Amino acid sequence: MKKKEREVKMLTVGEWVDKTHEIADTLEHKAKIQHTKEVERATAYRDGYIQACEDYAKEMRHAISHNQ
């Protein structure tokens, strides 16, 4: 049995330009998605850290007021 030969289609300059824009758009979209995820993760970390600091300060004030 003979192997099928793959027909390779040559792209025109315009098709290459379109393909280049398509690839760039895809990469930009993926970067935006990754950026959004990282910002959300960092925001959640910051919010948790701030809450922990506030909880600590509240407990310290409570402990100090009960020991005076």
N, C-alpha and C. Protein backbone atom coordinates (compact mmCIF):
# COMPACT_ATOMS: atom_id res chain seq x y z
N MET A 1 0.84 -1.17 0.00
CA MET A 1 0.00 0.00 0.00
C MET A 1 0.89 1.25 0.00
N LYS A 2 0.55 2.16 -0.84
CA LYS A 2 1.34 3.38 -1.00
C LYS A 2 0.92 4.42 0.03
N LYS A 3 1.92 5.09 0.63
CA LYS A 3 1.61 6.16 1.59
C LYS A 3 0.96 7.32 0.86
N LYS A 4 -0.04 7.90 1.55
CA LYS A 4 -0.67 9.08 0.96
C LYS A 4 0.29 10.25 1.09
N GLU A 5 0.43 10.98 0.02
CA GLU A 5 1.26 12.17 0.07
C GLU A 5 0.39 13.33 0.52
N ARG A 6 0.91 14.07 1.48
CA ARG A 6 0.19 15.23 1.99
C ARG A 6 0.40 16.40 1.07
N GLU A 7 -0.70 17.02 0.71
CA GLU A 7 -0.61 18.20 -0.14
C GLU A 7 -0.39 19.40 0.77
N VAL A 8 0.66 20.14 0.52
CA VAL A 8 0.99 21.31 1.31
C VAL A 8 0.53 22.54 0.55
N LYS A 9 -0.33 23.32 1.21
CA LYS A 9 -0.84 24.52 0.57
C LYS A 9 0.04 25.70 0.99
N MET A 10 0.54 26.38 0.03
CA MET A 10 1.35 27.57 0.30
C MET A 10 0.41 28.73 0.60
N LEU A 11 0.73 29.48 1.65
CA LEU A 11 -0.09 30.64 2.00
C LEU A 11 0.37 31.87 1.23
N THR A 12 -0.59 32.72 0.96
CA THR A 12 -0.25 33.99 0.32
C THR A 12 0.25 34.94 1.41
N VAL A 13 0.81 36.05 1.00
CA VAL A 13 1.28 37.06 1.95
C VAL A 13 0.12 37.53 2.82
N GLY A 14 -1.02 37.76 2.21
CA GLY A 14 -2.19 38.20 2.96
C GLY A 14 -2.63 37.17 3.99
N GLU A 15 -2.57 35.88 3.61
CA GLU A 15 -2.94 34.82 4.54
C GLU A 15 -1.95 34.73 5.71
N TRP A 16 -0.66 34.95 5.41
CA TRP A 16 0.34 34.97 6.48
C TRP A 16 0.09 36.13 7.43
N VAL A 17 -0.26 37.28 6.88
CA VAL A 17 -0.56 38.45 7.72
C VAL A 17 -1.76 38.12 8.61
N ASP A 18 -2.80 37.54 8.02
CA ASP A 18 -3.99 37.17 8.80
C ASP A 18 -3.62 36.17 9.89
N LYS A 19 -2.81 35.18 9.55
CA LYS A 19 -2.39 34.16 10.51
C LYS A 19 -1.58 34.78 11.65
N THR A 20 -0.72 35.71 11.31
CA THR A 20 0.09 36.40 12.31
C THR A 20 -0.80 37.17 13.28
N HIS A 21 -1.80 37.86 12.75
CA HIS A 21 -2.73 38.60 13.62
C HIS A 21 -3.54 37.64 14.49
N GLU A 22 -3.94 36.52 13.93
CA GLU A 22 -4.70 35.52 14.68
C GLU A 22 -3.87 34.99 15.85
N ILE A 23 -2.60 34.67 15.59
CA ILE A 23 -1.72 34.17 16.65
C ILE A 23 -1.51 35.24 17.71
N ALA A 24 -1.27 36.47 17.29
CA ALA A 24 -1.06 37.56 18.25
C ALA A 24 -2.30 37.78 19.11
N ASP A 25 -3.48 37.74 18.49
CA ASP A 25 -4.73 37.91 19.24
C ASP A 25 -4.92 36.80 20.26
N THR A 26 -4.59 35.57 19.87
CA THR A 26 -4.71 34.43 20.78
C THR A 26 -3.76 34.59 21.97
N LEU A 27 -2.53 34.96 21.71
CA LEU A 27 -1.56 35.15 22.78
C LEU A 27 -1.97 36.29 23.71
N GLU A 28 -2.47 37.37 23.13
CA GLU A 28 -2.94 38.51 23.94
C GLU A 28 -4.10 38.09 24.84
N HIS A 29 -5.03 37.33 24.29
CA HIS A 29 -6.18 36.86 25.06
C HIS A 29 -5.73 35.97 26.23
N LYS A 30 -4.81 35.05 25.95
CA LYS A 30 -4.30 34.17 26.99
C LYS A 30 -3.57 34.96 28.08
N ALA A 31 -2.83 35.98 27.67
CA ALA A 31 -2.12 36.82 28.64
C ALA A 31 -3.10 37.58 29.53
N LYS A 32 -4.18 38.08 28.94
CA LYS A 32 -5.19 38.80 29.73
C LYS A 32 -5.86 37.87 30.74
N ILE A 33 -6.16 36.65 30.31
CA ILE A 33 -6.78 35.68 31.22
C ILE A 33 -5.82 35.37 32.38
N GLN A 34 -4.56 35.13 32.07
CA GLN A 34 -3.56 34.82 33.11
C GLN A 34 -3.40 36.01 34.05
N HIS A 35 -3.36 37.20 33.51
CA HIS A 35 -3.22 38.41 34.32
C HIS A 35 -4.40 38.55 35.29
N THR A 36 -5.60 38.34 34.78
CA THR A 36 -6.79 38.43 35.62
C THR A 36 -6.74 37.42 36.76
N LYS A 37 -6.34 36.19 36.46
CA LYS A 37 -6.23 35.16 37.50
C LYS A 37 -5.22 35.56 38.57
N GLU A 38 -4.07 36.07 38.13
CA GLU A 38 -3.02 36.44 39.08
C GLU A 38 -3.44 37.64 39.93
N VAL A 39 -4.14 38.59 39.34
CA VAL A 39 -4.62 39.75 40.10
C VAL A 39 -5.65 39.29 41.13
N GLU A 40 -6.56 38.41 40.73
CA GLU A 40 -7.57 37.90 41.67
C GLU A 40 -6.91 37.15 42.82
N ARG A 41 -5.90 36.35 42.52
CA ARG A 41 -5.19 35.59 43.56
C ARG A 41 -4.47 36.54 44.51
N ALA A 42 -3.80 37.54 43.96
CA ALA A 42 -3.07 38.50 44.79
C ALA A 42 -4.04 39.33 45.64
N THR A 43 -5.17 39.69 45.07
CA THR A 43 -6.17 40.46 45.81
C THR A 43 -6.72 39.64 46.98
N ALA A 44 -7.01 38.38 46.73
CA ALA A 44 -7.51 37.51 47.79
C ALA A 44 -6.47 37.37 48.90
N TYR A 45 -5.20 37.22 48.53
CA TYR A 45 -4.12 37.12 49.51
C TYR A 45 -4.04 38.40 50.34
N ARG A 46 -4.07 39.54 49.67
CA ARG A 46 -4.01 40.83 50.36
C ARG A 46 -5.18 40.99 51.31
N ASP A 47 -6.38 40.68 50.83
CA ASP A 47 -7.58 40.82 51.67
C ASP A 47 -7.49 39.92 52.91
N GLY A 48 -7.01 38.70 52.72
CA GLY A 48 -6.84 37.79 53.85
C GLY A 48 -5.80 38.30 54.84
N TYR A 49 -4.71 38.84 54.32
CA TYR A 49 -3.65 39.37 55.17
C TYR A 49 -4.16 40.56 55.98
N ILE A 50 -4.89 41.46 55.33
CA ILE A 50 -5.45 42.62 56.02
C ILE A 50 -6.42 42.17 57.10
N GLN A 51 -7.27 41.20 56.79
CA GLN A 51 -8.22 40.70 57.78
C GLN A 51 -7.48 40.09 58.97
N ALA A 52 -6.42 39.35 58.71
CA ALA A 52 -5.64 38.74 59.79
C ALA A 52 -5.03 39.83 60.68
N CYS A 53 -4.52 40.89 60.08
CA CYS A 53 -3.95 41.99 60.85
C CYS A 53 -5.02 42.67 61.70
N GLU A 54 -6.19 42.88 61.13
CA GLU A 54 -7.28 43.50 61.88
C GLU A 54 -7.73 42.60 63.02
N ASP A 55 -7.82 41.29 62.78
CA ASP A 55 -8.20 40.35 63.83
C ASP A 55 -7.17 40.34 64.95
N TYR A 56 -5.91 40.36 64.59
CA TYR A 56 -4.83 40.39 65.58
C TYR A 56 -4.92 41.65 66.43
N ALA A 57 -5.08 42.80 65.78
CA ALA A 57 -5.17 44.07 66.51
C ALA A 57 -6.38 44.07 67.46
N LYS A 58 -7.50 43.53 67.00
CA LYS A 58 -8.70 43.46 67.82
C LYS A 58 -8.45 42.60 69.06
N GLU A 59 -7.82 41.44 68.85
CA GLU A 59 -7.52 40.55 69.98
C GLU A 59 -6.53 41.20 70.95
N MET A 60 -5.55 41.89 70.42
CA MET A 60 -4.57 42.58 71.28
C MET A 60 -5.26 43.67 72.10
N ARG A 61 -6.13 44.47 71.48
CA ARG A 61 -6.85 45.51 72.22
C ARG A 61 -7.71 44.88 73.31
N HIS A 62 -8.37 43.79 72.98
CA HIS A 62 -9.22 43.08 73.94
C HIS A 62 -8.37 42.57 75.12
N ALA A 63 -7.24 41.95 74.82
CA ALA A 63 -6.36 41.40 75.86
C ALA A 63 -5.81 42.51 76.73
N ILE A 64 -5.42 43.62 76.14
CA ILE A 64 -4.86 44.74 76.90
C ILE A 64 -5.92 45.36 77.80
N SER A 65 -7.11 45.54 77.27
CA SER A 65 -8.18 46.18 78.06
C SER A 65 -8.60 45.31 79.25
N HIS A 66 -8.48 44.00 79.11
CA HIS A 66 -8.86 43.10 80.20
C HIS A 66 -7.73 42.89 81.22
N ASN A 67 -6.55 43.35 80.90
CA ASN A 67 -5.41 43.17 81.80
C ASN A 67 -5.01 44.46 82.50
N GLN A 68 -5.83 45.50 82.40
CA GLN A 68 -5.46 46.76 83.06
C GLN A 68 -6.26 46.98 84.30
